[in-house]
Amino acid sequence: MHGSLTYFPAALERLGTGYAVAGLSVGVFGLGVVVASRWVQTSGWSRRRMMVVGGAALTGALTIAAVEPGIPGMLIAAVLLGAGFAATHAPLQAWATSVAPQGRTIAVAFFVGGALAGAAAVTALGSASASAGDFGVLFGVAAVVALAFTLALTRRT
């Protein structure tokens, strides 16, 4: 899901925007991360609730990117993607390390490896759709994966 951010600038460039607007999508992703990180720290919500809300933000972001590929839609999607990242990453990492405290180093290694491998897989698997300019399919598939991820969070955390 997070690897799909790689294609936000490319999708905007495909619409004919300049590099500045395309790059802005990554900047507003960062803004979403910063703002949501503060909220995550102060909300007092349970880890599960935070991750489910974050997963919903990821799903919503990717759905918007799939169905509203214009500049406003993509920028809103980028902010939501950043917020979803902030709301899922830290709580999910904390959960992964608390499952087996004595195996914390291995749990963290698997968590990081999984996150990086997932982002790499999205980048690799999405390249054919991106090359064809079919970003709706790319983001749509990512939205379905985000929905499955969110549903899994409701059961496992």
N, C-alpha and C. Protein backbone atom coordinates (compact mmCIF):
# COMPACT_ATOMS: atom_id res chain seq x y z
N MET A 1 0.82 -1.19 0.00
CA MET A 1 0.00 0.00 0.00
C MET A 1 0.86 1.25 0.00
N HIS A 2 1.87 1.26 0.86
CA HIS A 2 2.72 2.44 0.95
C HIS A 2 3.59 2.60 -0.29
N GLY A 3 3.91 1.48 -0.94
CA GLY A 3 4.71 1.54 -2.16
C GLY A 3 3.98 2.24 -3.29
N SER A 4 2.67 2.34 -3.18
CA SER A 4 1.91 3.01 -4.24
C SER A 4 2.21 4.50 -4.31
N LEU A 5 2.72 5.08 -3.22
CA LEU A 5 3.10 6.50 -3.24
C LEU A 5 4.11 6.76 -4.35
N THR A 6 4.91 5.77 -4.66
CA THR A 6 5.91 5.89 -5.72
C THR A 6 5.26 6.36 -7.03
N TYR A 7 4.02 5.95 -7.25
CA TYR A 7 3.36 6.23 -8.52
C TYR A 7 2.50 7.49 -8.51
N PHE A 8 2.36 8.14 -7.38
CA PHE A 8 1.57 9.37 -7.35
C PHE A 8 2.15 10.44 -8.27
N PRO A 9 3.45 10.76 -8.18
CA PRO A 9 4.00 11.77 -9.08
C PRO A 9 3.88 11.36 -10.56
N ALA A 10 4.09 10.09 -10.84
CA ALA A 10 3.99 9.63 -12.23
C ALA A 10 2.56 9.78 -12.75
N ALA A 11 1.57 9.48 -11.90
CA ALA A 11 0.17 9.64 -12.31
C ALA A 11 -0.14 11.11 -12.58
N LEU A 12 0.37 12.00 -11.76
CA LEU A 12 0.13 13.42 -11.98
C LEU A 12 0.86 13.92 -13.23
N GLU A 13 2.07 13.44 -13.45
CA GLU A 13 2.78 13.83 -14.67
C GLU A 13 2.04 13.35 -15.91
N ARG A 14 1.45 12.18 -15.83
CA ARG A 14 0.67 11.64 -16.95
C ARG A 14 -0.51 12.55 -17.30
N LEU A 15 -1.01 13.28 -16.30
CA LEU A 15 -2.10 14.23 -16.53
C LEU A 15 -1.60 15.52 -17.16
N GLY A 16 -0.28 15.65 -17.28
CA GLY A 16 0.29 16.85 -17.89
C GLY A 16 0.75 17.90 -16.90
N THR A 17 0.76 17.56 -15.62
CA THR A 17 1.23 18.54 -14.64
C THR A 17 2.75 18.66 -14.73
N GLY A 18 3.27 19.72 -14.21
CA GLY A 18 4.71 19.89 -14.15
C GLY A 18 5.31 19.09 -13.01
N TYR A 19 6.62 19.12 -12.95
CA TYR A 19 7.32 18.39 -11.90
C TYR A 19 7.00 18.91 -10.51
N ALA A 20 6.77 20.21 -10.41
CA ALA A 20 6.49 20.79 -9.09
C ALA A 20 5.18 20.24 -8.52
N VAL A 21 4.15 20.17 -9.33
CA VAL A 21 2.86 19.65 -8.85
C VAL A 21 2.99 18.15 -8.57
N ALA A 22 3.69 17.44 -9.44
CA ALA A 22 3.88 16.00 -9.22
C ALA A 22 4.64 15.76 -7.91
N GLY A 23 5.67 16.54 -7.68
CA GLY A 23 6.43 16.41 -6.44
C GLY A 23 5.65 16.84 -5.22
N LEU A 24 4.70 17.74 -5.42
CA LEU A 24 3.86 18.20 -4.31
C LEU A 24 3.09 17.03 -3.69
N SER A 25 2.77 16.02 -4.50
CA SER A 25 2.04 14.87 -3.95
C SER A 25 2.85 14.17 -2.87
N VAL A 26 4.15 14.11 -3.04
CA VAL A 26 5.00 13.48 -2.02
C VAL A 26 5.12 14.40 -0.81
N GLY A 27 5.16 15.69 -1.06
CA GLY A 27 5.22 16.65 0.04
C GLY A 27 3.98 16.62 0.91
N VAL A 28 2.80 16.53 0.29
CA VAL A 28 1.59 16.51 1.10
C VAL A 28 1.41 15.15 1.78
N PHE A 29 2.00 14.10 1.22
CA PHE A 29 2.06 12.83 1.94
C PHE A 29 2.79 13.04 3.26
N GLY A 30 3.95 13.71 3.19
CA GLY A 30 4.72 14.00 4.40
C GLY A 30 3.94 14.86 5.38
N LEU A 31 3.18 15.81 4.87
CA LEU A 31 2.34 16.63 5.73
C LEU A 31 1.30 15.76 6.44
N GLY A 32 0.71 14.83 5.71
CA GLY A 32 -0.26 13.91 6.32
C GLY A 32 0.37 13.08 7.42
N VAL A 33 1.62 12.63 7.20
CA VAL A 33 2.33 11.85 8.22
C VAL A 33 2.57 12.69 9.46
N VAL A 34 3.05 13.90 9.28
CA VAL A 34 3.38 14.77 10.43
C VAL A 34 2.13 15.09 11.24
N VAL A 35 1.08 15.52 10.58
CA VAL A 35 -0.14 15.90 11.29
C VAL A 35 -0.75 14.69 12.00
N ALA A 36 -0.86 13.59 11.28
CA ALA A 36 -1.46 12.40 11.89
C ALA A 36 -0.59 11.82 13.01
N SER A 37 0.72 11.96 12.91
CA SER A 37 1.60 11.46 13.97
C SER A 37 1.31 12.16 15.29
N ARG A 38 1.08 13.45 15.22
CA ARG A 38 0.74 14.20 16.44
C ARG A 38 -0.58 13.70 17.01
N TRP A 39 -1.53 13.45 16.12
CA TRP A 39 -2.84 12.96 16.55
C TRP A 39 -2.71 11.57 17.16
N VAL A 40 -1.90 10.71 16.54
CA VAL A 40 -1.70 9.35 17.06
C VAL A 40 -1.16 9.41 18.49
N GLN A 41 -0.24 10.33 18.74
CA GLN A 41 0.38 10.44 20.06
C GLN A 41 -0.58 10.95 21.12
N THR A 42 -1.57 11.73 20.72
CA THR A 42 -2.43 12.38 21.72
C THR A 42 -3.86 11.87 21.76
N SER A 43 -4.24 10.97 20.88
CA SER A 43 -5.65 10.58 20.78
C SER A 43 -6.12 9.74 21.96
N GLY A 44 -5.26 8.93 22.52
CA GLY A 44 -5.67 8.04 23.60
C GLY A 44 -6.44 6.82 23.11
N TRP A 45 -6.51 6.64 21.81
CA TRP A 45 -7.22 5.49 21.25
C TRP A 45 -6.43 4.21 21.46
N SER A 46 -7.12 3.10 21.46
CA SER A 46 -6.45 1.80 21.55
C SER A 46 -5.66 1.55 20.28
N ARG A 47 -4.69 0.68 20.39
CA ARG A 47 -3.86 0.33 19.24
C ARG A 47 -4.73 -0.21 18.10
N ARG A 48 -5.65 -1.09 18.43
CA ARG A 48 -6.52 -1.68 17.40
C ARG A 48 -7.34 -0.60 16.69
N ARG A 49 -7.96 0.26 17.47
CA ARG A 49 -8.80 1.31 16.88
C ARG A 49 -7.96 2.22 15.99
N MET A 50 -6.77 2.57 16.44
CA MET A 50 -5.89 3.44 15.67
C MET A 50 -5.52 2.78 14.33
N MET A 51 -5.20 1.49 14.39
CA MET A 51 -4.80 0.80 13.16
C MET A 51 -5.97 0.64 12.20
N VAL A 52 -7.15 0.39 12.72
CA VAL A 52 -8.32 0.25 11.86
C VAL A 52 -8.65 1.59 11.18
N VAL A 53 -8.58 2.67 11.95
CA VAL A 53 -8.82 4.00 11.36
C VAL A 53 -7.73 4.30 10.33
N GLY A 54 -6.49 3.96 10.64
CA GLY A 54 -5.41 4.16 9.68
C GLY A 54 -5.60 3.32 8.43
N GLY A 55 -6.02 2.08 8.61
CA GLY A 55 -6.28 1.22 7.45
C GLY A 55 -7.41 1.76 6.59
N ALA A 56 -8.42 2.32 7.25
CA ALA A 56 -9.52 2.94 6.51
C ALA A 56 -9.02 4.15 5.72
N ALA A 57 -8.10 4.92 6.31
CA ALA A 57 -7.52 6.07 5.60
C ALA A 57 -6.71 5.60 4.40
N LEU A 58 -5.94 4.52 4.57
CA LEU A 58 -5.19 3.97 3.44
C LEU A 58 -6.12 3.52 2.32
N THR A 59 -7.17 2.80 2.71
CA THR A 59 -8.13 2.30 1.72
C THR A 59 -8.82 3.47 1.01
N GLY A 60 -9.23 4.46 1.79
CA GLY A 60 -9.87 5.63 1.20
C GLY A 60 -8.94 6.39 0.26
N ALA A 61 -7.70 6.56 0.68
CA ALA A 61 -6.72 7.28 -0.14
C ALA A 61 -6.53 6.59 -1.49
N LEU A 62 -6.35 5.30 -1.46
CA LEU A 62 -6.10 4.57 -2.70
C LEU A 62 -7.35 4.48 -3.57
N THR A 63 -8.51 4.44 -2.95
CA THR A 63 -9.76 4.47 -3.71
C THR A 63 -9.93 5.81 -4.41
N ILE A 64 -9.66 6.89 -3.70
CA ILE A 64 -9.72 8.22 -4.31
C ILE A 64 -8.75 8.31 -5.47
N ALA A 65 -7.52 7.84 -5.27
CA ALA A 65 -6.52 7.89 -6.35
C ALA A 65 -6.97 7.09 -7.56
N ALA A 66 -7.69 5.99 -7.32
CA ALA A 66 -8.15 5.14 -8.42
C ALA A 66 -9.30 5.77 -9.20
N VAL A 67 -10.20 6.43 -8.49
CA VAL A 67 -11.41 6.92 -9.17
C VAL A 67 -11.40 8.42 -9.47
N GLU A 68 -10.51 9.18 -8.85
CA GLU A 68 -10.43 10.62 -9.08
C GLU A 68 -8.98 11.01 -9.32
N PRO A 69 -8.47 10.67 -10.51
CA PRO A 69 -7.04 10.86 -10.75
C PRO A 69 -6.61 12.29 -11.07
N GLY A 70 -7.47 13.26 -10.89
CA GLY A 70 -7.09 14.66 -11.12
C GLY A 70 -6.21 15.20 -10.00
N ILE A 71 -5.78 16.41 -10.17
CA ILE A 71 -4.86 17.03 -9.20
C ILE A 71 -5.48 17.08 -7.80
N PRO A 72 -6.69 17.62 -7.62
CA PRO A 72 -7.24 17.67 -6.25
C PRO A 72 -7.39 16.28 -5.64
N GLY A 73 -7.90 15.34 -6.40
CA GLY A 73 -8.09 13.98 -5.87
C GLY A 73 -6.78 13.34 -5.47
N MET A 74 -5.77 13.50 -6.29
CA MET A 74 -4.48 12.89 -5.99
C MET A 74 -3.82 13.53 -4.77
N LEU A 75 -3.97 14.84 -4.62
CA LEU A 75 -3.37 15.49 -3.45
C LEU A 75 -4.11 15.13 -2.17
N ILE A 76 -5.43 15.05 -2.24
CA ILE A 76 -6.19 14.59 -1.07
C ILE A 76 -5.81 13.16 -0.73
N ALA A 77 -5.69 12.33 -1.76
CA ALA A 77 -5.30 10.93 -1.54
C ALA A 77 -3.91 10.84 -0.91
N ALA A 78 -3.00 11.70 -1.32
CA ALA A 78 -1.64 11.67 -0.76
C ALA A 78 -1.65 12.04 0.72
N VAL A 79 -2.44 13.05 1.10
CA VAL A 79 -2.55 13.43 2.51
C VAL A 79 -3.13 12.27 3.32
N LEU A 80 -4.20 11.66 2.80
CA LEU A 80 -4.81 10.52 3.51
C LEU A 80 -3.86 9.33 3.59
N LEU A 81 -3.09 9.10 2.53
CA LEU A 81 -2.13 8.01 2.56
C LEU A 81 -1.10 8.24 3.66
N GLY A 82 -0.63 9.48 3.79
CA GLY A 82 0.31 9.82 4.86
C GLY A 82 -0.30 9.64 6.23
N ALA A 83 -1.54 10.07 6.39
CA ALA A 83 -2.23 9.91 7.67
C ALA A 83 -2.43 8.43 7.99
N GLY A 84 -2.81 7.65 6.99
CA GLY A 84 -2.98 6.21 7.20
C GLY A 84 -1.67 5.54 7.57
N PHE A 85 -0.58 5.97 6.94
CA PHE A 85 0.73 5.42 7.27
C PHE A 85 1.05 5.70 8.74
N ALA A 86 0.86 6.95 9.16
CA ALA A 86 1.17 7.32 10.54
C ALA A 86 0.32 6.55 11.54
N ALA A 87 -0.94 6.36 11.20
CA ALA A 87 -1.86 5.71 12.13
C ALA A 87 -1.69 4.20 12.19
N THR A 88 -1.04 3.61 11.19
CA THR A 88 -0.86 2.16 11.21
C THR A 88 0.55 1.73 11.56
N HIS A 89 1.54 2.49 11.13
CA HIS A 89 2.92 2.02 11.25
C HIS A 89 3.38 1.82 12.69
N ALA A 90 3.34 2.88 13.49
CA ALA A 90 3.85 2.77 14.86
C ALA A 90 3.04 1.78 15.70
N PRO A 91 1.70 1.83 15.66
CA PRO A 91 0.94 0.85 16.45
C PRO A 91 1.17 -0.59 15.99
N LEU A 92 1.30 -0.78 14.68
CA LEU A 92 1.53 -2.13 14.17
C LEU A 92 2.92 -2.63 14.59
N GLN A 93 3.89 -1.75 14.55
CA GLN A 93 5.23 -2.13 14.98
C GLN A 93 5.23 -2.45 16.48
N ALA A 94 4.53 -1.66 17.27
CA ALA A 94 4.45 -1.93 18.71
C ALA A 94 3.77 -3.26 18.97
N TRP A 95 2.70 -3.54 18.22
CA TRP A 95 2.00 -4.81 18.38
C TRP A 95 2.92 -5.97 18.00
N ALA A 96 3.64 -5.84 16.89
CA ALA A 96 4.51 -6.92 16.43
C ALA A 96 5.59 -7.24 17.46
N THR A 97 6.11 -6.22 18.12
CA THR A 97 7.17 -6.47 19.10
C THR A 97 6.62 -6.93 20.45
N SER A 98 5.34 -6.66 20.71
CA SER A 98 4.79 -7.09 22.00
C SER A 98 4.26 -8.53 21.97
N VAL A 99 4.08 -9.08 20.79
CA VAL A 99 3.57 -10.45 20.67
C VAL A 99 4.54 -11.44 21.31
N ALA A 100 5.82 -11.25 21.05
CA ALA A 100 6.84 -12.13 21.61
C ALA A 100 8.01 -11.27 22.08
N PRO A 101 7.90 -10.68 23.27
CA PRO A 101 8.95 -9.75 23.73
C PRO A 101 10.35 -10.35 23.71
N GLN A 102 10.48 -11.65 24.00
CA GLN A 102 11.80 -12.25 24.01
C GLN A 102 12.38 -12.38 22.60
N GLY A 103 11.55 -12.29 21.57
CA GLY A 103 12.01 -12.36 20.19
C GLY A 103 11.89 -11.02 19.49
N ARG A 104 12.00 -9.95 20.26
CA ARG A 104 11.79 -8.61 19.73
C ARG A 104 12.69 -8.29 18.54
N THR A 105 13.95 -8.65 18.60
CA THR A 105 14.86 -8.29 17.50
C THR A 105 14.43 -8.98 16.21
N ILE A 106 14.04 -10.22 16.31
CA ILE A 106 13.59 -10.93 15.11
C ILE A 106 12.25 -10.38 14.63
N ALA A 107 11.36 -10.06 15.56
CA ALA A 107 10.06 -9.50 15.18
C ALA A 107 10.23 -8.18 14.45
N VAL A 108 11.12 -7.32 14.94
CA VAL A 108 11.37 -6.04 14.28
C VAL A 108 11.98 -6.27 12.89
N ALA A 109 12.91 -7.21 12.80
CA ALA A 109 13.51 -7.51 11.49
C ALA A 109 12.46 -7.99 10.49
N PHE A 110 11.57 -8.86 10.93
CA PHE A 110 10.50 -9.32 10.04
C PHE A 110 9.53 -8.19 9.70
N PHE A 111 9.22 -7.36 10.66
CA PHE A 111 8.31 -6.23 10.41
C PHE A 111 8.90 -5.31 9.35
N VAL A 112 10.14 -4.90 9.55
CA VAL A 112 10.78 -3.98 8.61
C VAL A 112 10.96 -4.66 7.25
N GLY A 113 11.40 -5.91 7.28
CA GLY A 113 11.57 -6.65 6.02
C GLY A 113 10.26 -6.77 5.26
N GLY A 114 9.17 -7.04 5.98
CA GLY A 114 7.87 -7.15 5.34
C GLY A 114 7.40 -5.83 4.75
N ALA A 115 7.61 -4.76 5.49
CA ALA A 115 7.20 -3.44 5.00
C ALA A 115 7.98 -3.06 3.75
N LEU A 116 9.30 -3.28 3.78
CA LEU A 116 10.12 -2.94 2.62
C LEU A 116 9.85 -3.85 1.44
N ALA A 117 9.67 -5.14 1.71
CA ALA A 117 9.37 -6.08 0.62
C ALA A 117 8.01 -5.76 0.00
N GLY A 118 7.05 -5.39 0.83
CA GLY A 118 5.74 -5.01 0.31
C GLY A 118 5.81 -3.79 -0.58
N ALA A 119 6.54 -2.78 -0.15
CA ALA A 119 6.69 -1.57 -0.97
C ALA A 119 7.41 -1.90 -2.28
N ALA A 120 8.43 -2.74 -2.20
CA ALA A 120 9.15 -3.13 -3.42
C ALA A 120 8.25 -3.93 -4.35
N ALA A 121 7.42 -4.80 -3.79
CA ALA A 121 6.52 -5.62 -4.61
C ALA A 121 5.51 -4.74 -5.34
N VAL A 122 4.96 -3.75 -4.64
CA VAL A 122 4.01 -2.84 -5.29
C VAL A 122 4.69 -2.10 -6.43
N THR A 123 5.90 -1.65 -6.19
CA THR A 123 6.63 -0.92 -7.22
C THR A 123 6.87 -1.83 -8.43
N ALA A 124 7.30 -3.05 -8.18
CA ALA A 124 7.57 -3.98 -9.29
C ALA A 124 6.29 -4.40 -10.00
N LEU A 125 5.28 -4.78 -9.24
CA LEU A 125 4.04 -5.27 -9.85
C LEU A 125 3.25 -4.15 -10.52
N GLY A 126 3.40 -2.95 -10.04
CA GLY A 126 2.66 -1.83 -10.61
C GLY A 126 3.30 -1.23 -11.84
N SER A 127 4.52 -1.62 -12.14
CA SER A 127 5.24 -0.98 -13.24
C SER A 127 4.56 -1.18 -14.59
N ALA A 128 3.95 -2.34 -14.83
CA ALA A 128 3.28 -2.57 -16.11
C ALA A 128 2.08 -1.65 -16.27
N SER A 129 1.28 -1.52 -15.21
CA SER A 129 0.12 -0.61 -15.27
C SER A 129 0.58 0.83 -15.42
N ALA A 130 1.61 1.19 -14.68
CA ALA A 130 2.11 2.57 -14.76
C ALA A 130 2.67 2.87 -16.15
N SER A 131 3.40 1.93 -16.72
CA SER A 131 3.95 2.14 -18.06
C SER A 131 2.84 2.32 -19.08
N ALA A 132 1.73 1.63 -18.89
CA ALA A 132 0.59 1.75 -19.80
C ALA A 132 -0.27 2.97 -19.47
N GLY A 133 0.06 3.66 -18.38
CA GLY A 133 -0.72 4.83 -17.98
C GLY A 133 -2.03 4.47 -17.31
N ASP A 134 -2.17 3.23 -16.88
CA ASP A 134 -3.41 2.77 -16.26
C ASP A 134 -3.28 2.82 -14.74
N PHE A 135 -3.22 4.02 -14.21
CA PHE A 135 -3.04 4.21 -12.77
C PHE A 135 -4.29 3.85 -11.99
N GLY A 136 -5.45 3.92 -12.62
CA GLY A 136 -6.69 3.54 -11.94
C GLY A 136 -6.66 2.09 -11.49
N VAL A 137 -6.16 1.21 -12.35
CA VAL A 137 -6.04 -0.20 -12.00
C VAL A 137 -5.01 -0.38 -10.89
N LEU A 138 -3.88 0.28 -11.04
CA LEU A 138 -2.81 0.17 -10.05
C LEU A 138 -3.31 0.58 -8.66
N PHE A 139 -3.93 1.75 -8.58
CA PHE A 139 -4.41 2.23 -7.28
C PHE A 139 -5.63 1.44 -6.82
N GLY A 140 -6.43 0.96 -7.74
CA GLY A 140 -7.59 0.14 -7.38
C GLY A 140 -7.18 -1.16 -6.73
N VAL A 141 -6.19 -1.83 -7.30
CA VAL A 141 -5.68 -3.07 -6.71
C VAL A 141 -5.08 -2.79 -5.33
N ALA A 142 -4.33 -1.69 -5.22
CA ALA A 142 -3.76 -1.33 -3.92
C ALA A 142 -4.86 -1.04 -2.90
N ALA A 143 -5.98 -0.46 -3.34
CA ALA A 143 -7.10 -0.19 -2.43
C ALA A 143 -7.71 -1.50 -1.93
N VAL A 144 -7.81 -2.49 -2.79
CA VAL A 144 -8.34 -3.79 -2.38
C VAL A 144 -7.40 -4.44 -1.35
N VAL A 145 -6.10 -4.34 -1.58
CA VAL A 145 -5.12 -4.88 -0.63
C VAL A 145 -5.23 -4.12 0.70
N ALA A 146 -5.39 -2.81 0.63
CA ALA A 146 -5.53 -2.01 1.86
C ALA A 146 -6.79 -2.41 2.63
N LEU A 147 -7.86 -2.69 1.91
CA LEU A 147 -9.09 -3.12 2.58
C LEU A 147 -8.88 -4.47 3.27
N ALA A 148 -8.22 -5.40 2.58
CA ALA A 148 -7.93 -6.71 3.19
C ALA A 148 -7.04 -6.54 4.43
N PHE A 149 -6.06 -5.67 4.33
CA PHE A 149 -5.17 -5.36 5.45
C PHE A 149 -5.97 -4.82 6.64
N THR A 150 -6.88 -3.89 6.36
CA THR A 150 -7.70 -3.29 7.41
C THR A 150 -8.60 -4.34 8.07
N LEU A 151 -9.19 -5.19 7.28
CA LEU A 151 -10.03 -6.25 7.83
C LEU A 151 -9.21 -7.21 8.69
N ALA A 152 -7.99 -7.51 8.26
CA ALA A 152 -7.11 -8.37 9.05
C ALA A 152 -6.76 -7.71 10.38
N LEU A 153 -6.58 -6.41 10.38
CA LEU A 153 -6.26 -5.70 11.62
C LEU A 153 -7.39 -5.80 12.64
N THR A 154 -8.61 -5.88 12.17
CA THR A 154 -9.73 -5.97 13.11
C THR A 154 -9.75 -7.31 13.83
N ARG A 155 -9.07 -8.29 13.30
CA ARG A 155 -9.09 -9.63 13.88
C ARG A 155 -7.82 -10.00 14.60
N ARG A 156 -6.70 -9.42 14.26
CA ARG A 156 -5.41 -9.89 14.75
C ARG A 156 -4.77 -9.02 15.81
N THR A 157 -5.22 -7.82 16.01
CA THR A 157 -4.49 -6.95 16.93
C THR A 157 -5.19 -6.81 18.26
